[in-house]
């Protein structure tokens, strides 16, 4: 059963930026939009595993820093003519803290 795991304070994520969260199984990029929307996606572009946490966020998507693939932060789908998908994670913000819903084997390290 999945549970909510506290991962970072909202204030520690720059507006239109991200923070990388390490779990036991993978790295997760947590992005903060201009109106404090928060998105969580596996920190690996579906093209060649580029670090999405280092990409540029615009609206609800991020551009991979390696080959300019745009990835939708809500679905994980590559946008445009590219094909591929990155895992996204449910996010909750409560009292200034960001929580992710992770599988038990992925609990934050």
PDB file of N, CA and C in Angstrom:
ATOM      1  N   UNK A   1       0.838  -1.184   0.000  1.00  0.00           N
ATOM      2  CA  UNK A   1       0.000   0.000   0.000  1.00  0.00           C
ATOM      3  C   UNK A   1       0.880   1.244   0.000  1.00  0.00           C
ATOM      4  N   UNK A   2       0.513   2.231  -0.800  1.00  0.00           N
ATOM      5  CA  UNK A   2       1.274   3.474  -0.890  1.00  0.00           C
ATOM      6  C   UNK A   2       0.943   4.378   0.283  1.00  0.00           C
ATOM      7  N   UNK A   3       1.908   5.176   0.684  1.00  0.00           N
ATOM      8  CA  UNK A   3       1.662   6.134   1.750  1.00  0.00           C
ATOM      9  C   UNK A   3       2.289   7.455   1.356  1.00  0.00           C
ATOM     10  N   UNK A   4       1.915   8.520   2.055  1.00  0.00           N
ATOM     11  CA  UNK A   4       2.467   9.847   1.805  1.00  0.00           C
ATOM     12  C   UNK A   4       3.762  10.001   2.578  1.00  0.00           C
ATOM     13  N   UNK A   5       4.794  10.478   1.886  1.00  0.00           N
ATOM     14  CA  UNK A   5       6.103  10.656   2.497  1.00  0.00           C
ATOM     15  C   UNK A   5       6.514  12.116   2.368  1.00  0.00           C
ATOM     16  N   UNK A   6       6.837  12.753   3.493  1.00  0.00           N
ATOM     17  CA  UNK A   6       7.325  14.134   3.458  1.00  0.00           C
ATOM     18  C   UNK A   6       8.701  14.144   2.797  1.00  0.00           C
ATOM     19  N   UNK A   7       8.890  15.048   1.804  1.00  0.00           N
ATOM     20  CA  UNK A   7      10.161  15.044   1.082  1.00  0.00           C
ATOM     21  C   UNK A   7      10.916  16.369   1.125  1.00  0.00           C
ATOM     22  N   UNK A   8      10.211  17.505   1.227  1.00  0.00           N
ATOM     23  CA  UNK A   8      10.902  18.797   1.193  1.00  0.00           C
ATOM     24  C   UNK A   8       9.924  19.888   1.628  1.00  0.00           C
ATOM     25  N   UNK A   9      10.461  21.004   2.110  1.00  0.00           N
ATOM     26  CA  UNK A   9       9.632  22.169   2.391  1.00  0.00           C
ATOM     27  C   UNK A   9       9.386  22.889   1.071  1.00  0.00           C
ATOM     28  N   UNK A  10       8.170  23.367   0.862  1.00  0.00           N
ATOM     29  CA  UNK A  10       7.842  24.080  -0.373  1.00  0.00           C
ATOM     30  C   UNK A  10       8.800  25.247  -0.597  1.00  0.00           C
ATOM     31  N   UNK A  11       9.152  25.964   0.462  1.00  0.00           N
ATOM     32  CA  UNK A  11      10.034  27.125   0.345  1.00  0.00           C
ATOM     33  C   UNK A  11      11.435  26.760  -0.161  1.00  0.00           C
ATOM     34  N   UNK A  12      11.820  25.492  -0.067  1.00  0.00           N
ATOM     35  CA  UNK A  12      13.139  25.069  -0.537  1.00  0.00           C
ATOM     36  C   UNK A  12      13.169  24.760  -2.031  1.00  0.00           C
ATOM     37  N   UNK A  13      12.006  24.827  -2.683  1.00  0.00           N
ATOM     38  CA  UNK A  13      11.947  24.625  -4.135  1.00  0.00           C
ATOM     39  C   UNK A  13      11.800  26.008  -4.771  1.00  0.00           C
ATOM     40  N   UNK A  14      12.744  26.427  -5.616  1.00  0.00           N
ATOM     41  CA  UNK A  14      12.604  27.748  -6.225  1.00  0.00           C
ATOM     42  C   UNK A  14      11.385  27.803  -7.160  1.00  0.00           C
ATOM     43  N   UNK A  15      10.736  28.962  -7.225  1.00  0.00           N
ATOM     44  CA  UNK A  15       9.623  29.143  -8.149  1.00  0.00           C
ATOM     45  C   UNK A  15      10.149  28.927  -9.570  1.00  0.00           C
ATOM     46  N   UNK A  16       9.425  28.125 -10.357  1.00  0.00           N
ATOM     47  CA  UNK A  16       9.814  27.718 -11.717  1.00  0.00           C
ATOM     48  C   UNK A  16      11.122  26.926 -11.710  1.00  0.00           C
ATOM     49  N   UNK A  17      11.383  26.260 -10.591  1.00  0.00           N
ATOM     50  CA  UNK A  17      12.581  25.436 -10.467  1.00  0.00           C
ATOM     51  C   UNK A  17      12.242  24.099  -9.850  1.00  0.00           C
ATOM     52  N   UNK A  18      13.280  23.376  -9.444  1.00  0.00           N
ATOM     53  CA  UNK A  18      13.053  22.040  -8.906  1.00  0.00           C
ATOM     54  C   UNK A  18      14.067  21.678  -7.840  1.00  0.00           C
ATOM     55  N   UNK A  19      13.781  20.591  -7.176  1.00  0.00           N
ATOM     56  CA  UNK A  19      14.691  19.935  -6.249  1.00  0.00           C
ATOM     57  C   UNK A  19      14.680  18.461  -6.600  1.00  0.00           C
ATOM     58  N   UNK A  20      15.837  17.835  -6.486  1.00  0.00           N
ATOM     59  CA  UNK A  20      15.936  16.408  -6.752  1.00  0.00           C
ATOM     60  C   UNK A  20      15.863  15.675  -5.423  1.00  0.00           C
ATOM     61  N   UNK A  21      14.995  14.679  -5.365  1.00  0.00           N
ATOM     62  CA  UNK A  21      14.796  13.868  -4.170  1.00  0.00           C
ATOM     63  C   UNK A  21      15.298  12.461  -4.481  1.00  0.00           C
ATOM     64  N   UNK A  22      16.167  11.943  -3.640  1.00  0.00           N
ATOM     65  CA  UNK A  22      16.670  10.575  -3.815  1.00  0.00           C
ATOM     66  C   UNK A  22      15.787   9.611  -3.038  1.00  0.00           C
ATOM     67  N   UNK A  23      15.396   8.528  -3.678  1.00  0.00           N
ATOM     68  CA  UNK A  23      14.689   7.454  -2.991  1.00  0.00           C
ATOM     69  C   UNK A  23      15.564   6.207  -3.107  1.00  0.00           C
ATOM     70  N   UNK A  24      15.123   5.141  -2.517  1.00  0.00           N
ATOM     71  CA  UNK A  24      15.899   3.889  -2.606  1.00  0.00           C
ATOM     72  C   UNK A  24      15.999   3.378  -4.035  1.00  0.00           C
ATOM     73  N   UNK A  25      14.951   3.634  -4.844  1.00  0.00           N
ATOM     74  CA  UNK A  25      14.881   3.067  -6.182  1.00  0.00           C
ATOM     75  C   UNK A  25      15.243   4.023  -7.310  1.00  0.00           C
ATOM     76  N   UNK A  26      15.077   5.348  -7.096  1.00  0.00           N
ATOM     77  CA  UNK A  26      15.289   6.300  -8.181  1.00  0.00           C
ATOM     78  C   UNK A  26      15.389   7.713  -7.634  1.00  0.00           C
ATOM     79  N   UNK A  27      15.751   8.637  -8.527  1.00  0.00           N
ATOM     80  CA  UNK A  27      15.724  10.052  -8.202  1.00  0.00           C
ATOM     81  C   UNK A  27      14.427  10.636  -8.752  1.00  0.00           C
ATOM     82  N   UNK A  28      13.841  11.565  -7.993  1.00  0.00           N
ATOM     83  CA  UNK A  28      12.586  12.199  -8.389  1.00  0.00           C
ATOM     84  C   UNK A  28      12.797  13.704  -8.406  1.00  0.00           C
ATOM     85  N   UNK A  29      12.373  14.354  -9.504  1.00  0.00           N
ATOM     86  CA  UNK A  29      12.436  15.811  -9.613  1.00  0.00           C
ATOM     87  C   UNK A  29      11.101  16.371  -9.134  1.00  0.00           C
ATOM     88  N   UNK A  30      11.157  17.304  -8.181  1.00  0.00           N
ATOM     89  CA  UNK A  30       9.954  17.951  -7.668  1.00  0.00           C
ATOM     90  C   UNK A  30      10.004  19.409  -8.124  1.00  0.00           C
ATOM     91  N   UNK A  31       9.019  19.805  -8.935  1.00  0.00           N
ATOM     92  CA  UNK A  31       8.974  21.139  -9.531  1.00  0.00           C
ATOM     93  C   UNK A  31       7.930  22.000  -8.839  1.00  0.00           C
ATOM     94  N   UNK A  32       8.188  23.328  -8.823  1.00  0.00           N
ATOM     95  CA  UNK A  32       7.253  24.296  -8.241  1.00  0.00           C
ATOM     96  C   UNK A  32       6.909  25.333  -9.303  1.00  0.00           C
ATOM     97  N   UNK A  33       5.611  25.451  -9.607  1.00  0.00           N
ATOM     98  CA  UNK A  33       5.147  26.406 -10.600  1.00  0.00           C
ATOM     99  C   UNK A  33       5.052  27.821 -10.056  1.00  0.00           C
ATOM    100  N   UNK A  34       4.674  28.756 -10.919  1.00  0.00           N
ATOM    101  CA  UNK A  34       4.615  30.171 -10.557  1.00  0.00           C
ATOM    102  C   UNK A  34       3.546  30.483  -9.517  1.00  0.00           C
ATOM    103  N   UNK A  35       2.550  29.617  -9.387  1.00  0.00           N
ATOM    104  CA  UNK A  35       1.502  29.807  -8.385  1.00  0.00           C
ATOM    105  C   UNK A  35       1.539  28.690  -7.344  1.00  0.00           C
ATOM    106  N   UNK A  36       2.732  28.177  -7.076  1.00  0.00           N
ATOM    107  CA  UNK A  36       2.984  27.138  -6.077  1.00  0.00           C
ATOM    108  C   UNK A  36       2.361  25.783  -6.401  1.00  0.00           C
ATOM    109  N   UNK A  37       2.048  25.514  -7.678  1.00  0.00           N
ATOM    110  CA  UNK A  37       1.659  24.162  -8.064  1.00  0.00           C
ATOM    111  C   UNK A  37       2.910  23.301  -7.936  1.00  0.00           C
ATOM    112  N   UNK A  38       2.743  22.071  -7.516  1.00  0.00           N
ATOM    113  CA  UNK A  38       3.890  21.186  -7.325  1.00  0.00           C
ATOM    114  C   UNK A  38       3.669  19.915  -8.149  1.00  0.00           C
ATOM    115  N   UNK A  39       4.725  19.493  -8.845  1.00  0.00           N
ATOM    116  CA  UNK A  39       4.695  18.300  -9.690  1.00  0.00           C
ATOM    117  C   UNK A  39       5.888  17.429  -9.337  1.00  0.00           C
ATOM    118  N   UNK A  40       5.723  16.129  -9.416  1.00  0.00           N
ATOM    119  CA  UNK A  40       6.827  15.202  -9.147  1.00  0.00           C
ATOM    120  C   UNK A  40       6.912  14.206 -10.299  1.00  0.00           C
ATOM    121  N   UNK A  41       8.121  14.032 -10.815  1.00  0.00           N
ATOM    122  CA  UNK A  41       8.352  13.174 -11.963  1.00  0.00           C
ATOM    123  C   UNK A  41       9.702  12.491 -11.800  1.00  0.00           C
ATOM    124  N   UNK A  42       9.818  11.289 -12.321  1.00  0.00           N
ATOM    125  CA  UNK A  42      11.109  10.602 -12.273  1.00  0.00           C
ATOM    126  C   UNK A  42      12.153  11.492 -12.941  1.00  0.00           C
ATOM    127  N   UNK A  43      13.306  11.629 -12.303  1.00  0.00           N
ATOM    128  CA  UNK A  43      14.348  12.542 -12.781  1.00  0.00           C
ATOM    129  C   UNK A  43      15.158  11.900 -13.908  1.00  0.00           C
ATOM    130  N   UNK A  44      14.447  11.433 -14.939  1.00  0.00           N
ATOM    131  CA  UNK A  44      15.111  10.787 -16.078  1.00  0.00           C
ATOM    132  C   UNK A  44      14.244  10.964 -17.314  1.00  0.00           C
ATOM    133  N   UNK A  45      14.755  11.699 -18.292  1.00  0.00           N
ATOM    134  CA  UNK A  45      14.028  11.887 -19.545  1.00  0.00           C
ATOM    135  C   UNK A  45      13.836  10.530 -20.219  1.00  0.00           C
ATOM    136  N   UNK A  46      12.655  10.274 -20.804  1.00  0.00           N
ATOM    137  CA  UNK A  46      12.438   8.987 -21.460  1.00  0.00           C
ATOM    138  C   UNK A  46      13.289   8.796 -22.717  1.00  0.00           C
ATOM    139  N   UNK A  47      13.942   9.851 -23.181  1.00  0.00           N
ATOM    140  CA  UNK A  47      14.780   9.748 -24.377  1.00  0.00           C
ATOM    141  C   UNK A  47      16.106   9.085 -24.048  1.00  0.00           C
ATOM    142  N   UNK A  48      16.928   9.760 -23.234  1.00  0.00           N
ATOM    143  CA  UNK A  48      18.245   9.202 -22.892  1.00  0.00           C
ATOM    144  C   UNK A  48      18.595   9.447 -21.427  1.00  0.00           C
ATOM    145  N   UNK A  49      17.563   9.445 -20.587  1.00  0.00           N
ATOM    146  CA  UNK A  49      17.729   9.575 -19.131  1.00  0.00           C
ATOM    147  C   UNK A  49      18.345  10.885 -18.680  1.00  0.00           C
ATOM    148  N   UNK A  50      18.173  11.953 -19.445  1.00  0.00           N
ATOM    149  CA  UNK A  50      18.676  13.265 -19.026  1.00  0.00           C
ATOM    150  C   UNK A  50      18.052  13.688 -17.709  1.00  0.00           C
ATOM    151  N   UNK A  51      18.773  14.469 -16.898  1.00  0.00           N
ATOM    152  CA  UNK A  51      18.271  14.889 -15.585  1.00  0.00           C
ATOM    153  C   UNK A  51      17.214  15.987 -15.713  1.00  0.00           C
ATOM    154  N   UNK A  52      15.954  15.623 -15.658  1.00  0.00           N
ATOM    155  CA  UNK A  52      14.877  16.597 -15.821  1.00  0.00           C
ATOM    156  C   UNK A  52      14.926  17.689 -14.763  1.00  0.00           C
ATOM    157  N   UNK A  53      15.454  17.372 -13.578  1.00  0.00           N
ATOM    158  CA  UNK A  53      15.559  18.378 -12.508  1.00  0.00           C
ATOM    159  C   UNK A  53      16.448  19.547 -12.912  1.00  0.00           C
ATOM    160  N   UNK A  54      17.276  19.365 -13.927  1.00  0.00           N
ATOM    161  CA  UNK A  54      18.150  20.438 -14.408  1.00  0.00           C
ATOM    162  C   UNK A  54      17.573  21.139 -15.638  1.00  0.00           C
ATOM    163  N   UNK A  55      16.361  20.746 -16.038  1.00  0.00           N
ATOM    164  CA  UNK A  55      15.720  21.330 -17.204  1.00  0.00           C
ATOM    165  C   UNK A  55      15.012  22.626 -16.874  1.00  0.00           C
ATOM    166  N   UNK A  56      14.461  23.261 -17.902  1.00  0.00           N
ATOM    167  CA  UNK A  56      13.735  24.518 -17.750  1.00  0.00           C
ATOM    168  C   UNK A  56      12.245  24.224 -17.720  1.00  0.00           C
ATOM    169  N   UNK A  57      11.596  24.706 -16.647  1.00  0.00           N
ATOM    170  CA  UNK A  57      10.156  24.516 -16.488  1.00  0.00           C
ATOM    171  C   UNK A  57       9.433  25.661 -17.173  1.00  0.00           C
ATOM    172  N   UNK A  58       8.363  25.332 -17.909  1.00  0.00           N
ATOM    173  CA  UNK A  58       7.504  26.354 -18.508  1.00  0.00           C
ATOM    174  C   UNK A  58       6.081  25.812 -18.504  1.00  0.00           C
ATOM    175  N   UNK A  59       5.200  26.536 -17.798  1.00  0.00           N
ATOM    176  CA  UNK A  59       3.830  26.052 -17.654  1.00  0.00           C
ATOM    177  C   UNK A  59       3.817  24.747 -16.888  1.00  0.00           C
ATOM    178  N   UNK A  60       3.238  23.707 -17.491  1.00  0.00           N
ATOM    179  CA  UNK A  60       3.182  22.398 -16.845  1.00  0.00           C
ATOM    180  C   UNK A  60       4.094  21.402 -17.562  1.00  0.00           C
ATOM    181  N   UNK A  61       5.179  21.902 -18.132  1.00  0.00           N
ATOM    182  CA  UNK A  61       6.132  21.005 -18.783  1.00  0.00           C
ATOM    183  C   UNK A  61       7.558  21.414 -18.441  1.00  0.00           C
ATOM    184  N   UNK A  62       8.480  20.518 -18.747  1.00  0.00           N
ATOM    185  CA  UNK A  62       9.898  20.770 -18.523  1.00  0.00           C
ATOM    186  C   UNK A  62      10.631  20.354 -19.796  1.00  0.00           C
ATOM    187  N   UNK A  63      11.686  21.101 -20.124  1.00  0.00           N
ATOM    188  CA  UNK A  63      12.516  20.760 -21.278  1.00  0.00           C
ATOM    189  C   UNK A  63      13.779  20.090 -20.777  1.00  0.00           C
ATOM    190  N   UNK A  64      14.055  18.896 -21.276  1.00  0.00           N
ATOM    191  CA  UNK A  64      15.250  18.158 -20.879  1.00  0.00           C
ATOM    192  C   UNK A  64      16.492  18.943 -21.295  1.00  0.00           C
ATOM    193  N   UNK A  65      17.488  19.044 -20.407  1.00  0.00           N
ATOM    194  CA  UNK A  65      18.690  19.812 -20.729  1.00  0.00           C
ATOM    195  C   UNK A  65      19.606  19.136 -21.754  1.00  0.00           C
ATOM    196  N   UNK A  66      19.411  17.858 -22.022  1.00  0.00           N
ATOM    197  CA  UNK A  66      20.314  17.172 -22.955  1.00  0.00           C
ATOM    198  C   UNK A  66      19.932  17.337 -24.416  1.00  0.00           C
ATOM    199  N   UNK A  67      18.673  17.055 -24.760  1.00  0.00           N
ATOM    200  CA  UNK A  67      18.284  17.054 -26.173  1.00  0.00           C
ATOM    201  C   UNK A  67      16.992  17.823 -26.440  1.00  0.00           C
ATOM    202  N   UNK A  68      16.578  18.673 -25.494  1.00  0.00           N
ATOM    203  CA  UNK A  68      15.421  19.565 -25.655  1.00  0.00           C
ATOM    204  C   UNK A  68      14.072  18.871 -25.797  1.00  0.00           C
ATOM    205  N   UNK A  69      13.952  17.637 -25.342  1.00  0.00           N
ATOM    206  CA  UNK A  69      12.632  16.999 -25.322  1.00  0.00           C
ATOM    207  C   UNK A  69      11.780  17.716 -24.285  1.00  0.00           C
ATOM    208  N   UNK A  70      10.528  17.993 -24.599  1.00  0.00           N
ATOM    209  CA  UNK A  70       9.591  18.572 -23.641  1.00  0.00           C
ATOM    210  C   UNK A  70       8.744  17.463 -23.041  1.00  0.00           C
ATOM    211  N   UNK A  71       8.640  17.447 -21.717  1.00  0.00           N
ATOM    212  CA  UNK A  71       7.900  16.422 -20.986  1.00  0.00           C
ATOM    213  C   UNK A  71       6.791  17.097 -20.182  1.00  0.00           C
ATOM    214  N   UNK A  72       5.573  16.588 -20.302  1.00  0.00           N
ATOM    215  CA  UNK A  72       4.441  17.105 -19.540  1.00  0.00           C
ATOM    216  C   UNK A  72       4.578  16.643 -18.089  1.00  0.00           C
ATOM    217  N   UNK A  73       4.559  17.591 -17.160  1.00  0.00           N
ATOM    218  CA  UNK A  73       4.746  17.260 -15.749  1.00  0.00           C
ATOM    219  C   UNK A  73       3.516  16.612 -15.116  1.00  0.00           C
ATOM    220  N   UNK A  74       2.354  16.738 -15.739  1.00  0.00           N
ATOM    221  CA  UNK A  74       1.152  16.132 -15.168  1.00  0.00           C
ATOM    222  C   UNK A  74       0.979  14.678 -15.586  1.00  0.00           C
ATOM    223  N   UNK A  75       1.450  14.335 -16.797  1.00  0.00           N
ATOM    224  CA  UNK A  75       1.263  12.970 -17.296  1.00  0.00           C
ATOM    225  C   UNK A  75       2.565  12.199 -17.490  1.00  0.00           C
ATOM    226  N   UNK A  76       3.678  12.919 -17.610  1.00  0.00           N
ATOM    227  CA  UNK A  76       4.960  12.276 -17.894  1.00  0.00           C
ATOM    228  C   UNK A  76       5.195  12.042 -19.372  1.00  0.00           C
ATOM    229  N   UNK A  77       4.202  12.358 -20.218  1.00  0.00           N
ATOM    230  CA  UNK A  77       4.298  12.109 -21.656  1.00  0.00           C
ATOM    231  C   UNK A  77       5.222  13.112 -22.336  1.00  0.00           C
ATOM    232  N   UNK A  78       5.998  12.626 -23.316  1.00  0.00           N
ATOM    233  CA  UNK A  78       6.777  13.504 -24.175  1.00  0.00           C
ATOM    234  C   UNK A  78       5.811  14.275 -25.065  1.00  0.00           C
ATOM    235  N   UNK A  79       6.090  15.557 -25.291  1.00  0.00           N
ATOM    236  CA  UNK A  79       5.223  16.405 -26.100  1.00  0.00           C
ATOM    237  C   UNK A  79       5.803  16.569 -27.500  1.00  0.00           C
ATOM    238  N   UNK A  80       4.949  16.841 -28.458  1.00  0.00           N
ATOM    239  CA  UNK A  80       5.406  17.026 -29.830  1.00  0.00           C
ATOM    240  C   UNK A  80       5.571  15.692 -30.524  1.00  0.00           C
ATOM    241  N   UNK A  81       6.504  15.631 -31.491  1.00  0.00           N
ATOM    242  CA  UNK A  81       6.662  14.404 -32.283  1.00  0.00           C
ATOM    243  C   UNK A  81       7.377  13.281 -31.526  1.00  0.00           C
ATOM    244  N   UNK A  82       7.938  13.604 -30.356  1.00  0.00           N
ATOM    245  CA  UNK A  82       8.695  12.606 -29.598  1.00  0.00           C
ATOM    246  C   UNK A  82       7.751  11.652 -28.880  1.00  0.00           C
ATOM    247  N   UNK A  83       8.219  10.445 -28.625  1.00  0.00           N
ATOM    248  CA  UNK A  83       7.411   9.470 -27.901  1.00  0.00           C
ATOM    249  C   UNK A  83       8.183   8.961 -26.700  1.00  0.00           C
ATOM    250  N   UNK A  84       7.473   8.743 -25.626  1.00  0.00           N
ATOM    251  CA  UNK A  84       8.074   8.227 -24.404  1.00  0.00           C
ATOM    252  C   UNK A  84       7.316   8.761 -23.214  1.00  0.00           C
ATOM    253  N   UNK A  85       7.605   8.199 -22.075  1.00  0.00           N
ATOM    254  CA  UNK A  85       6.877   8.589 -20.872  1.00  0.00           C
ATOM    255  C   UNK A  85       7.779   8.413 -19.652  1.00  0.00           C
ATOM    256  N   UNK A  86       7.692   9.371 -18.725  1.00  0.00           N
ATOM    257  CA  UNK A  86       8.403   9.283 -17.451  1.00  0.00           C
ATOM    258  C   UNK A  86       7.360   9.112 -16.345  1.00  0.00           C
ATOM    259  N   UNK A  87       7.702   8.397 -15.285  1.00  0.00           N
ATOM    260  CA  UNK A  87       6.783   8.186 -14.169  1.00  0.00           C
ATOM    261  C   UNK A  87       6.491   9.508 -13.464  1.00  0.00           C
ATOM    262  N   UNK A  88       5.228   9.744 -13.140  1.00  0.00           N
ATOM    263  CA  UNK A  88       4.845  10.878 -12.304  1.00  0.00           C
ATOM    264  C   UNK A  88       4.312  10.336 -10.983  1.00  0.00           C
ATOM    265  N   UNK A  89       4.333  11.178  -9.961  1.00  0.00           N
ATOM    266  CA  UNK A  89       3.935  10.759  -8.619  1.00  0.00           C
ATOM    267  C   UNK A  89       2.904  11.725  -8.058  1.00  0.00           C
ATOM    268  N   UNK A  90       1.899  11.209  -7.330  1.00  0.00           N
ATOM    269  CA  UNK A  90       0.937  12.091  -6.671  1.00  0.00           C
ATOM    270  C   UNK A  90       1.657  12.982  -5.654  1.00  0.00           C
ATOM    271  N   UNK A  91       1.230  14.255  -5.607  1.00  0.00           N
ATOM    272  CA  UNK A  91       1.851  15.252  -4.733  1.00  0.00           C
ATOM    273  C   UNK A  91       0.779  15.911  -3.882  1.00  0.00           C
ATOM    274  N   UNK A  92       1.147  16.232  -2.661  1.00  0.00           N
ATOM    275  CA  UNK A  92       0.265  16.959  -1.750  1.00  0.00           C
ATOM    276  C   UNK A  92       1.117  17.989  -1.013  1.00  0.00           C
ATOM    277  N   UNK A  93       0.591  19.208  -0.849  1.00  0.00           N
ATOM    278  CA  UNK A  93       1.268  20.241  -0.065  1.00  0.00           C
ATOM    279  C   UNK A  93       0.372  20.561   1.116  1.00  0.00           C
ATOM    280  N   UNK A  94       0.960  20.490   2.300  1.00  0.00           N
ATOM    281  CA  UNK A  94       0.204  20.716   3.524  1.00  0.00           C
ATOM    282  C   UNK A  94       1.093  21.448   4.519  1.00  0.00           C
ATOM    283  N   UNK A  95       0.628  22.599   5.002  1.00  0.00           N
ATOM    284  CA  UNK A  95       1.379  23.389   5.987  1.00  0.00           C
ATOM    285  C   UNK A  95       2.803  23.675   5.513  1.00  0.00           C
ATOM    286  N   UNK A  96       2.969  23.967   4.218  1.00  0.00           N
ATOM    287  CA  UNK A  96       4.277  24.322   3.689  1.00  0.00           C
ATOM    288  C   UNK A  96       5.205  23.147   3.454  1.00  0.00           C
ATOM    289  N   UNK A  97       4.708  21.926   3.598  1.00  0.00           N
ATOM    290  CA  UNK A  97       5.524  20.731   3.372  1.00  0.00           C
ATOM    291  C   UNK A  97       5.007  19.981   2.156  1.00  0.00           C
ATOM    292  N   UNK A  98       5.929  19.432   1.375  1.00  0.00           N
ATOM    293  CA  UNK A  98       5.575  18.664   0.183  1.00  0.00           C
ATOM    294  C   UNK A  98       5.660  17.185   0.507  1.00  0.00           C
ATOM    295  N   UNK A  99       4.597  16.461   0.162  1.00  0.00           N
ATOM    296  CA  UNK A  99       4.523  15.021   0.371  1.00  0.00           C
ATOM    297  C   UNK A  99       4.351  14.337  -0.985  1.00  0.00           C
ATOM    298  N   UNK A 100       5.003  13.206  -1.153  1.00  0.00           N
ATOM    299  CA  UNK A 100       4.830  12.385  -2.347  1.00  0.00           C
ATOM    300  C   UNK A 100       4.221  11.058  -1.944  1.00  0.00           C
ATOM    301  N   UNK A 101       3.439  10.494  -2.846  1.00  0.00           N
ATOM    302  CA  UNK A 101       2.901   9.167  -2.614  1.00  0.00           C
ATOM    303  C   UNK A 101       3.824   8.190  -3.353  1.00  0.00           C
ATOM    304  N   UNK A 102       4.567   7.422  -2.571  1.00  0.00           N
ATOM    305  CA  UNK A 102       5.556   6.495  -3.108  1.00  0.00           C
ATOM    306  C   UNK A 102       5.159   5.070  -2.797  1.00  0.00           C
ATOM    307  N   UNK A 103       5.620   4.164  -3.613  1.00  0.00           N
ATOM    308  CA  UNK A 103       5.464   2.749  -3.303  1.00  0.00           C
ATOM    309  C   UNK A 103       6.351   2.436  -2.097  1.00  0.00           C
ATOM    310  N   UNK A 104       6.036   1.443  -1.289  1.00  0.00           N
ATOM    311  CA  UNK A 104       6.833   1.137  -0.102  1.00  0.00           C
ATOM    312  C   UNK A 104       8.321   0.956  -0.394  1.00  0.00           C
ATOM    313  N   UNK A 105       8.662   0.361  -1.524  1.00  0.00           N
ATOM    314  CA  UNK A 105      10.082   0.122  -1.816  1.00  0.00           C
ATOM    315  C   UNK A 105      10.815   1.385  -2.236  1.00  0.00           C
ATOM    316  N   UNK A 106      10.070   2.490  -2.478  1.00  0.00           N
ATOM    317  CA  UNK A 106      10.689   3.736  -2.942  1.00  0.00           C
ATOM    318  C   UNK A 106      10.830   4.776  -1.840  1.00  0.00           C
ATOM    319  N   UNK A 107      10.506   4.458  -0.629  1.00  0.00           N
ATOM    320  CA  UNK A 107      10.505   5.460   0.445  1.00  0.00           C
ATOM    321  C   UNK A 107      11.777   6.296   0.394  1.00  0.00           C
ATOM    322  N   UNK A 108      11.615   7.578   0.657  1.00  0.00           N
ATOM    323  CA  UNK A 108      12.745   8.512   0.586  1.00  0.00           C
ATOM    324  C   UNK A 108      13.867   8.071   1.500  1.00  0.00           C
ATOM    325  N   UNK A 109      15.058   8.219   0.998  1.00  0.00           N
ATOM    326  CA  UNK A 109      16.231   7.822   1.776  1.00  0.00           C
ATOM    327  C   UNK A 109      16.806   8.988   2.534  1.00  0.00           C
TER     328      UNK A 109
END
